[in-house]
């Protein structure tokens, strides 16, 4: 798994220079709907979900979180890694609405880095492509500690 993560680096398009085969890249680039790629690290259940907010595009991840909560009893932890939620009133409102939709199932944290011990608490990380690129580019030591990860290419 770490070898694959190391191959997805740089500023190029995530799916152009990636470990995904040509067929997968074509599906993702040609699709008019949202597409996800699951990096499976023994994914069994979806009790604890981590969503890093590291890009303005991550408002879409909040909508996916809502769908997830509608269909499961998951606990979702959102982490505002770049102060984006704090500065974006629309995103704050989306999170407030999510908290009302599923009381006691949402928590919002502020942190600039992801700690390896923190990651051990999660079954799944749900992340948008732009935030995924930032996580990979950070070359953090905790990359190998990431839980199973669903990288989503959100299409409106």
N, C-alpha and C. Protein backbone atom coordinates (compact mmCIF):
# COMPACT_ATOMS: atom_id res chain seq x y z
N UNK A 1 0.81 -1.21 0.00
CA UNK A 1 0.00 0.00 0.00
C UNK A 1 0.85 1.27 0.00
N UNK A 2 1.94 1.31 0.81
CA UNK A 2 2.73 2.52 0.86
C UNK A 2 3.39 2.80 -0.48
N UNK A 3 3.76 1.75 -1.19
CA UNK A 3 4.38 1.93 -2.50
C UNK A 3 3.42 2.65 -3.44
N UNK A 4 2.14 2.27 -3.41
CA UNK A 4 1.14 2.92 -4.26
C UNK A 4 0.98 4.39 -3.87
N UNK A 5 0.96 4.67 -2.58
CA UNK A 5 0.81 6.06 -2.13
C UNK A 5 1.98 6.89 -2.63
N UNK A 6 3.19 6.33 -2.58
CA UNK A 6 4.36 7.08 -3.02
C UNK A 6 4.34 7.36 -4.51
N UNK A 7 3.58 6.60 -5.29
CA UNK A 7 3.50 6.83 -6.72
C UNK A 7 2.56 7.98 -7.07
N UNK A 8 1.67 8.35 -6.16
CA UNK A 8 0.69 9.40 -6.41
C UNK A 8 1.20 10.69 -5.79
N UNK A 9 2.21 11.29 -6.40
CA UNK A 9 2.80 12.50 -5.84
C UNK A 9 2.95 13.55 -6.92
N UNK A 10 3.31 14.74 -6.51
CA UNK A 10 3.55 15.82 -7.45
C UNK A 10 2.32 16.65 -7.69
N UNK A 11 2.44 17.57 -8.64
CA UNK A 11 1.35 18.49 -8.90
C UNK A 11 0.53 18.08 -10.12
N UNK A 12 0.82 16.92 -10.70
CA UNK A 12 0.06 16.47 -11.85
C UNK A 12 -1.33 16.03 -11.43
N UNK A 13 -2.21 15.86 -12.39
CA UNK A 13 -3.55 15.39 -12.13
C UNK A 13 -3.46 14.05 -11.41
N UNK A 14 -4.20 13.89 -10.33
CA UNK A 14 -4.13 12.70 -9.50
C UNK A 14 -4.34 11.43 -10.31
N UNK A 15 -5.25 11.47 -11.27
CA UNK A 15 -5.58 10.26 -12.00
C UNK A 15 -4.81 10.10 -13.29
N UNK A 16 -4.08 11.12 -13.73
CA UNK A 16 -3.27 11.01 -14.94
C UNK A 16 -1.99 10.26 -14.65
N UNK A 17 -1.33 10.54 -13.55
CA UNK A 17 -0.07 9.91 -13.18
C UNK A 17 -0.32 9.16 -11.88
N UNK A 18 -0.95 8.03 -11.97
CA UNK A 18 -1.35 7.35 -10.75
C UNK A 18 -1.23 5.84 -10.94
N UNK A 19 -1.40 5.10 -9.84
CA UNK A 19 -1.34 3.65 -9.94
C UNK A 19 -2.60 3.05 -10.57
N UNK A 20 -3.60 3.87 -10.88
CA UNK A 20 -4.83 3.36 -11.49
C UNK A 20 -4.57 3.02 -12.95
N UNK A 21 -5.18 1.95 -13.39
CA UNK A 21 -4.97 1.56 -14.78
C UNK A 21 -5.71 2.53 -15.72
N UNK A 22 -5.41 2.43 -16.99
CA UNK A 22 -5.96 3.36 -17.99
C UNK A 22 -7.48 3.32 -18.01
N UNK A 23 -8.05 2.14 -17.87
CA UNK A 23 -9.51 1.99 -17.90
C UNK A 23 -10.16 2.77 -16.75
N UNK A 24 -9.58 2.65 -15.55
CA UNK A 24 -10.10 3.38 -14.38
C UNK A 24 -9.98 4.88 -14.59
N UNK A 25 -8.84 5.34 -15.08
CA UNK A 25 -8.66 6.77 -15.34
C UNK A 25 -9.68 7.28 -16.35
N UNK A 26 -9.96 6.48 -17.39
CA UNK A 26 -10.95 6.87 -18.39
C UNK A 26 -12.34 6.98 -17.79
N UNK A 27 -12.70 6.02 -16.96
CA UNK A 27 -14.02 6.06 -16.31
C UNK A 27 -14.15 7.33 -15.48
N UNK A 28 -13.13 7.63 -14.71
CA UNK A 28 -13.16 8.80 -13.84
C UNK A 28 -13.23 10.09 -14.65
N UNK A 29 -12.39 10.22 -15.66
CA UNK A 29 -12.33 11.47 -16.42
C UNK A 29 -13.53 11.66 -17.33
N UNK A 30 -14.13 10.58 -17.81
CA UNK A 30 -15.26 10.69 -18.74
C UNK A 30 -16.62 10.71 -18.05
N UNK A 31 -16.64 10.45 -16.77
CA UNK A 31 -17.90 10.34 -16.05
C UNK A 31 -18.54 11.69 -15.77
N UNK A 32 -19.85 11.74 -15.93
CA UNK A 32 -20.61 12.95 -15.61
C UNK A 32 -21.17 12.90 -14.19
N UNK A 33 -20.88 11.84 -13.48
CA UNK A 33 -21.35 11.69 -12.10
C UNK A 33 -20.15 11.54 -11.18
N UNK A 34 -20.39 11.64 -9.90
CA UNK A 34 -19.32 11.46 -8.91
C UNK A 34 -18.82 10.02 -8.96
N UNK A 35 -17.50 9.88 -8.87
CA UNK A 35 -16.87 8.56 -8.90
C UNK A 35 -15.89 8.50 -7.73
N UNK A 36 -15.81 7.35 -7.10
CA UNK A 36 -14.87 7.17 -6.00
C UNK A 36 -13.92 6.03 -6.25
N UNK A 37 -12.76 6.13 -5.65
CA UNK A 37 -11.77 5.06 -5.69
C UNK A 37 -11.49 4.68 -4.24
N UNK A 38 -11.73 3.41 -3.91
CA UNK A 38 -11.52 2.92 -2.56
C UNK A 38 -10.13 2.32 -2.44
N UNK A 39 -9.38 2.83 -1.48
CA UNK A 39 -8.09 2.25 -1.11
C UNK A 39 -8.40 1.40 0.12
N UNK A 40 -8.52 0.11 -0.11
CA UNK A 40 -9.00 -0.82 0.91
C UNK A 40 -7.84 -1.33 1.76
N UNK A 41 -7.90 -1.02 3.04
CA UNK A 41 -6.91 -1.50 4.00
C UNK A 41 -7.60 -2.38 5.04
N UNK A 42 -8.41 -3.30 4.54
CA UNK A 42 -9.13 -4.19 5.44
C UNK A 42 -10.46 -3.60 5.87
N UNK A 43 -11.10 -2.85 5.01
CA UNK A 43 -12.36 -2.18 5.32
C UNK A 43 -13.45 -3.22 5.61
N UNK A 44 -14.03 -3.17 6.83
CA UNK A 44 -15.05 -4.12 7.23
C UNK A 44 -16.37 -3.46 7.59
N UNK A 45 -16.29 -2.32 8.26
CA UNK A 45 -17.50 -1.63 8.71
C UNK A 45 -17.28 -0.13 8.65
N UNK A 46 -18.35 0.60 8.85
CA UNK A 46 -18.29 2.04 8.67
C UNK A 46 -18.83 2.77 9.90
N UNK A 47 -18.22 2.46 11.04
CA UNK A 47 -18.66 3.07 12.29
C UNK A 47 -18.06 4.46 12.50
N UNK A 48 -16.76 4.59 12.27
CA UNK A 48 -16.04 5.84 12.50
C UNK A 48 -15.47 6.35 11.18
N UNK A 49 -15.90 7.55 10.77
CA UNK A 49 -15.49 8.12 9.48
C UNK A 49 -14.78 9.45 9.72
N UNK A 50 -13.68 9.62 9.05
CA UNK A 50 -12.88 10.83 9.14
C UNK A 50 -12.95 11.56 7.80
N UNK A 51 -13.27 12.87 7.85
CA UNK A 51 -13.32 13.69 6.64
C UNK A 51 -12.44 14.92 6.86
N UNK A 52 -11.27 14.96 6.21
CA UNK A 52 -10.45 16.17 6.30
C UNK A 52 -11.00 17.24 5.36
N UNK A 53 -11.09 18.47 5.86
CA UNK A 53 -11.52 19.61 5.04
C UNK A 53 -10.25 20.41 4.79
N UNK A 54 -9.78 20.34 3.56
CA UNK A 54 -8.49 20.93 3.22
C UNK A 54 -8.58 21.76 1.93
N UNK A 55 -9.81 21.88 1.39
CA UNK A 55 -10.02 22.57 0.13
C UNK A 55 -11.45 23.13 0.12
N UNK A 56 -11.65 24.18 -0.63
CA UNK A 56 -13.00 24.75 -0.74
C UNK A 56 -13.96 23.78 -1.42
N UNK A 57 -13.43 22.84 -2.20
CA UNK A 57 -14.26 21.84 -2.87
C UNK A 57 -14.82 20.80 -1.90
N UNK A 58 -14.34 20.79 -0.66
CA UNK A 58 -14.75 19.77 0.29
C UNK A 58 -16.15 19.96 0.85
N UNK A 59 -16.83 21.01 0.46
CA UNK A 59 -18.24 21.16 0.83
C UNK A 59 -19.04 19.96 0.32
N UNK A 60 -18.61 19.41 -0.80
CA UNK A 60 -19.27 18.23 -1.35
C UNK A 60 -19.14 17.04 -0.41
N UNK A 61 -18.03 16.95 0.32
CA UNK A 61 -17.84 15.83 1.25
C UNK A 61 -18.87 15.89 2.37
N UNK A 62 -19.30 17.10 2.72
CA UNK A 62 -20.34 17.25 3.75
C UNK A 62 -21.65 16.65 3.24
N UNK A 63 -21.93 16.84 1.95
CA UNK A 63 -23.14 16.25 1.37
C UNK A 63 -23.04 14.72 1.34
N UNK A 64 -21.85 14.20 1.04
CA UNK A 64 -21.67 12.75 1.09
C UNK A 64 -21.82 12.24 2.52
N UNK A 65 -21.36 13.02 3.49
CA UNK A 65 -21.51 12.64 4.89
C UNK A 65 -22.99 12.52 5.25
N UNK A 66 -23.79 13.42 4.73
CA UNK A 66 -25.23 13.39 4.99
C UNK A 66 -25.84 12.09 4.44
N UNK A 67 -25.44 11.71 3.23
CA UNK A 67 -25.93 10.46 2.64
C UNK A 67 -25.49 9.27 3.47
N UNK A 68 -24.29 9.32 3.94
CA UNK A 68 -23.76 8.25 4.77
C UNK A 68 -24.56 8.12 6.07
N UNK A 69 -24.83 9.25 6.70
CA UNK A 69 -25.60 9.24 7.95
C UNK A 69 -27.03 8.76 7.73
N UNK A 70 -27.58 9.07 6.58
CA UNK A 70 -28.94 8.65 6.27
C UNK A 70 -29.04 7.13 6.20
N UNK A 71 -27.94 6.49 5.81
CA UNK A 71 -27.95 5.05 5.59
C UNK A 71 -27.17 4.25 6.61
N UNK A 72 -26.65 4.90 7.65
CA UNK A 72 -25.89 4.18 8.67
C UNK A 72 -25.93 4.95 9.98
N UNK A 73 -25.36 4.38 10.98
CA UNK A 73 -25.28 5.02 12.30
C UNK A 73 -23.85 5.51 12.56
N UNK A 74 -23.14 5.86 11.51
CA UNK A 74 -21.74 6.26 11.61
C UNK A 74 -21.54 7.49 12.48
N UNK A 75 -20.36 7.55 13.07
CA UNK A 75 -19.88 8.75 13.75
C UNK A 75 -18.92 9.41 12.77
N UNK A 76 -19.12 10.69 12.51
CA UNK A 76 -18.30 11.38 11.52
C UNK A 76 -17.52 12.50 12.18
N UNK A 77 -16.22 12.50 11.93
CA UNK A 77 -15.34 13.56 12.43
C UNK A 77 -14.82 14.35 11.25
N UNK A 78 -15.16 15.63 11.23
CA UNK A 78 -14.67 16.57 10.23
C UNK A 78 -13.48 17.30 10.83
N UNK A 79 -12.40 17.43 10.04
CA UNK A 79 -11.24 18.16 10.54
C UNK A 79 -10.95 19.32 9.60
N UNK A 80 -11.10 20.53 10.11
CA UNK A 80 -10.80 21.74 9.35
C UNK A 80 -9.30 21.96 9.39
N UNK A 81 -8.61 21.56 8.34
CA UNK A 81 -7.15 21.55 8.34
C UNK A 81 -6.53 22.86 7.85
N UNK A 82 -7.32 23.70 7.21
CA UNK A 82 -6.77 24.93 6.65
C UNK A 82 -7.60 26.16 7.02
N UNK A 83 -8.45 26.04 8.03
CA UNK A 83 -9.29 27.17 8.44
C UNK A 83 -10.38 27.49 7.43
N UNK A 84 -10.67 26.55 6.54
CA UNK A 84 -11.66 26.79 5.48
C UNK A 84 -13.07 26.86 6.04
N UNK A 85 -13.41 25.97 6.95
CA UNK A 85 -14.76 25.98 7.54
C UNK A 85 -14.96 27.27 8.32
N UNK A 86 -13.96 27.63 9.08
CA UNK A 86 -14.04 28.85 9.91
C UNK A 86 -14.31 30.09 9.05
N UNK A 87 -13.76 30.11 7.83
CA UNK A 87 -13.87 31.28 6.96
C UNK A 87 -15.03 31.20 5.97
N UNK A 88 -15.75 30.08 5.97
CA UNK A 88 -16.79 29.88 4.95
C UNK A 88 -18.14 29.69 5.62
N UNK A 89 -18.97 30.72 5.59
CA UNK A 89 -20.26 30.66 6.28
C UNK A 89 -21.19 29.61 5.67
N UNK A 90 -21.10 29.39 4.38
CA UNK A 90 -21.94 28.38 3.74
C UNK A 90 -21.57 26.98 4.23
N UNK A 91 -20.29 26.72 4.35
CA UNK A 91 -19.85 25.42 4.84
C UNK A 91 -20.22 25.24 6.31
N UNK A 92 -20.09 26.31 7.10
CA UNK A 92 -20.51 26.24 8.51
C UNK A 92 -21.98 25.88 8.61
N UNK A 93 -22.79 26.48 7.76
CA UNK A 93 -24.23 26.21 7.76
C UNK A 93 -24.53 24.77 7.35
N UNK A 94 -23.78 24.26 6.37
CA UNK A 94 -23.95 22.86 5.95
C UNK A 94 -23.66 21.91 7.13
N UNK A 95 -22.62 22.22 7.89
CA UNK A 95 -22.26 21.38 9.03
C UNK A 95 -23.32 21.49 10.13
N UNK A 96 -23.81 22.70 10.36
CA UNK A 96 -24.89 22.89 11.35
C UNK A 96 -26.12 22.08 10.97
N UNK A 97 -26.47 22.11 9.68
CA UNK A 97 -27.63 21.34 9.21
C UNK A 97 -27.38 19.84 9.38
N UNK A 98 -26.16 19.41 9.16
CA UNK A 98 -25.80 18.01 9.34
C UNK A 98 -25.92 17.61 10.80
N UNK A 99 -25.50 18.48 11.71
CA UNK A 99 -25.62 18.21 13.14
C UNK A 99 -27.09 18.11 13.55
N UNK A 100 -27.95 18.93 12.97
CA UNK A 100 -29.38 18.84 13.27
C UNK A 100 -29.99 17.57 12.69
N UNK A 101 -29.51 17.17 11.52
CA UNK A 101 -30.00 15.96 10.86
C UNK A 101 -29.63 14.71 11.66
N UNK A 102 -28.43 14.70 12.22
CA UNK A 102 -27.95 13.53 12.97
C UNK A 102 -27.26 13.99 14.25
N UNK A 103 -28.04 14.39 15.26
CA UNK A 103 -27.45 14.86 16.51
C UNK A 103 -26.53 13.79 17.12
N UNK A 104 -25.44 14.24 17.71
CA UNK A 104 -24.47 13.37 18.38
C UNK A 104 -23.72 12.42 17.45
N UNK A 105 -23.74 12.71 16.15
CA UNK A 105 -23.01 11.88 15.20
C UNK A 105 -21.93 12.66 14.46
N UNK A 106 -21.81 13.96 14.75
CA UNK A 106 -20.87 14.82 14.03
C UNK A 106 -19.96 15.52 15.03
N UNK A 107 -18.68 15.57 14.71
CA UNK A 107 -17.78 16.42 15.49
C UNK A 107 -16.88 17.16 14.50
N UNK A 108 -16.56 18.39 14.87
CA UNK A 108 -15.70 19.24 14.04
C UNK A 108 -14.47 19.60 14.85
N UNK A 109 -13.29 19.35 14.25
CA UNK A 109 -12.03 19.66 14.91
C UNK A 109 -11.23 20.61 14.04
N UNK A 110 -10.30 21.30 14.66
CA UNK A 110 -9.35 22.14 13.92
C UNK A 110 -7.95 21.62 14.19
N UNK A 111 -7.23 21.32 13.12
CA UNK A 111 -5.84 20.86 13.23
C UNK A 111 -5.19 21.00 11.86
N UNK A 112 -3.90 21.23 11.86
CA UNK A 112 -3.17 21.39 10.60
C UNK A 112 -2.57 20.09 10.10
N UNK A 113 -2.36 19.14 11.00
CA UNK A 113 -1.77 17.86 10.63
C UNK A 113 -2.59 16.71 11.18
N UNK A 114 -2.46 15.58 10.52
CA UNK A 114 -3.15 14.37 10.95
C UNK A 114 -2.16 13.51 11.73
N UNK A 115 -2.51 13.18 12.95
CA UNK A 115 -1.67 12.40 13.83
C UNK A 115 -1.96 10.91 13.64
N UNK A 116 -0.91 10.09 13.61
CA UNK A 116 -1.05 8.64 13.39
C UNK A 116 -1.94 7.99 14.46
N UNK A 117 -1.78 8.38 15.73
CA UNK A 117 -2.62 7.81 16.79
C UNK A 117 -4.08 8.18 16.59
N UNK A 118 -4.33 9.39 16.14
CA UNK A 118 -5.69 9.85 15.86
C UNK A 118 -6.33 8.98 14.78
N UNK A 119 -5.58 8.66 13.74
CA UNK A 119 -6.11 7.90 12.61
C UNK A 119 -6.52 6.48 12.98
N UNK A 120 -5.94 5.93 14.04
CA UNK A 120 -6.27 4.56 14.45
C UNK A 120 -7.72 4.42 14.88
N UNK A 121 -8.39 5.55 15.14
CA UNK A 121 -9.78 5.53 15.60
C UNK A 121 -10.79 5.35 14.47
N UNK A 122 -10.34 5.34 13.21
CA UNK A 122 -11.28 5.41 12.10
C UNK A 122 -11.26 4.17 11.21
N UNK A 123 -12.45 3.86 10.68
CA UNK A 123 -12.62 2.76 9.74
C UNK A 123 -12.42 3.24 8.30
N UNK A 124 -12.76 4.51 8.06
CA UNK A 124 -12.76 5.04 6.70
C UNK A 124 -12.43 6.52 6.71
N UNK A 125 -11.64 6.93 5.73
CA UNK A 125 -11.44 8.36 5.48
C UNK A 125 -12.13 8.66 4.16
N UNK A 126 -12.98 9.65 4.18
CA UNK A 126 -13.70 10.12 3.00
C UNK A 126 -13.04 11.43 2.60
N UNK A 127 -12.51 11.51 1.37
CA UNK A 127 -11.73 12.69 1.00
C UNK A 127 -11.95 13.04 -0.46
N UNK A 128 -12.01 14.34 -0.74
CA UNK A 128 -12.11 14.83 -2.11
C UNK A 128 -10.74 14.80 -2.76
N UNK A 129 -10.73 14.84 -4.08
CA UNK A 129 -9.47 14.74 -4.82
C UNK A 129 -8.48 15.84 -4.45
N UNK A 130 -8.94 17.09 -4.35
CA UNK A 130 -8.02 18.19 -4.04
C UNK A 130 -7.38 18.01 -2.66
N UNK A 131 -8.18 17.62 -1.68
CA UNK A 131 -7.64 17.38 -0.34
C UNK A 131 -6.71 16.16 -0.34
N UNK A 132 -7.05 15.15 -1.13
CA UNK A 132 -6.19 13.97 -1.24
C UNK A 132 -4.82 14.37 -1.77
N UNK A 133 -4.81 15.21 -2.81
CA UNK A 133 -3.53 15.67 -3.37
C UNK A 133 -2.71 16.39 -2.30
N UNK A 134 -3.36 17.24 -1.51
CA UNK A 134 -2.64 17.98 -0.46
C UNK A 134 -2.08 17.04 0.60
N UNK A 135 -2.84 16.01 0.94
CA UNK A 135 -2.37 15.04 1.93
C UNK A 135 -1.16 14.30 1.37
N UNK A 136 -1.23 13.87 0.14
CA UNK A 136 -0.11 13.15 -0.50
C UNK A 136 1.10 14.07 -0.62
N UNK A 137 0.89 15.30 -1.07
CA UNK A 137 2.00 16.24 -1.25
C UNK A 137 2.68 16.59 0.06
N UNK A 138 1.96 16.49 1.18
CA UNK A 138 2.54 16.80 2.48
C UNK A 138 3.63 15.81 2.86
N UNK A 139 3.60 14.64 2.24
CA UNK A 139 4.58 13.58 2.54
C UNK A 139 4.67 13.30 4.03
N UNK A 140 3.54 13.38 4.69
CA UNK A 140 3.47 13.14 6.13
C UNK A 140 3.87 11.70 6.47
N UNK A 141 4.47 11.53 7.63
CA UNK A 141 4.82 10.20 8.10
C UNK A 141 3.58 9.36 8.38
N UNK A 142 2.43 10.00 8.58
CA UNK A 142 1.21 9.27 8.93
C UNK A 142 0.48 8.72 7.70
N UNK A 143 1.00 8.92 6.49
CA UNK A 143 0.34 8.40 5.29
C UNK A 143 0.12 6.89 5.38
N UNK A 144 1.09 6.18 5.87
CA UNK A 144 0.95 4.73 5.97
C UNK A 144 -0.06 4.32 7.05
N UNK A 145 -0.42 5.26 7.92
CA UNK A 145 -1.38 4.97 8.99
C UNK A 145 -2.82 5.31 8.62
N UNK A 146 -3.02 5.82 7.40
CA UNK A 146 -4.37 6.17 6.98
C UNK A 146 -5.26 4.93 6.99
N UNK A 147 -6.52 5.09 7.38
CA UNK A 147 -7.45 3.95 7.30
C UNK A 147 -7.83 3.72 5.84
N UNK A 148 -8.69 2.76 5.58
CA UNK A 148 -9.24 2.62 4.23
C UNK A 148 -9.74 3.99 3.82
N UNK A 149 -9.52 4.34 2.56
CA UNK A 149 -9.81 5.70 2.10
C UNK A 149 -10.64 5.66 0.84
N UNK A 150 -11.70 6.46 0.82
CA UNK A 150 -12.53 6.63 -0.36
C UNK A 150 -12.24 8.02 -0.91
N UNK A 151 -11.54 8.05 -2.06
CA UNK A 151 -11.20 9.32 -2.73
C UNK A 151 -12.32 9.59 -3.73
N UNK A 152 -13.00 10.72 -3.55
CA UNK A 152 -14.15 11.04 -4.40
C UNK A 152 -13.86 12.17 -5.36
N UNK A 153 -14.24 11.95 -6.59
CA UNK A 153 -14.18 12.96 -7.64
C UNK A 153 -15.60 13.47 -7.79
N UNK A 154 -15.92 14.54 -7.09
CA UNK A 154 -17.29 15.04 -7.06
C UNK A 154 -17.63 15.79 -8.34
N UNK A 155 -18.78 15.42 -8.91
CA UNK A 155 -19.33 16.14 -10.06
C UNK A 155 -20.68 16.70 -9.62
N UNK A 156 -20.89 17.97 -9.90
CA UNK A 156 -22.15 18.61 -9.49
C UNK A 156 -23.33 18.07 -10.25
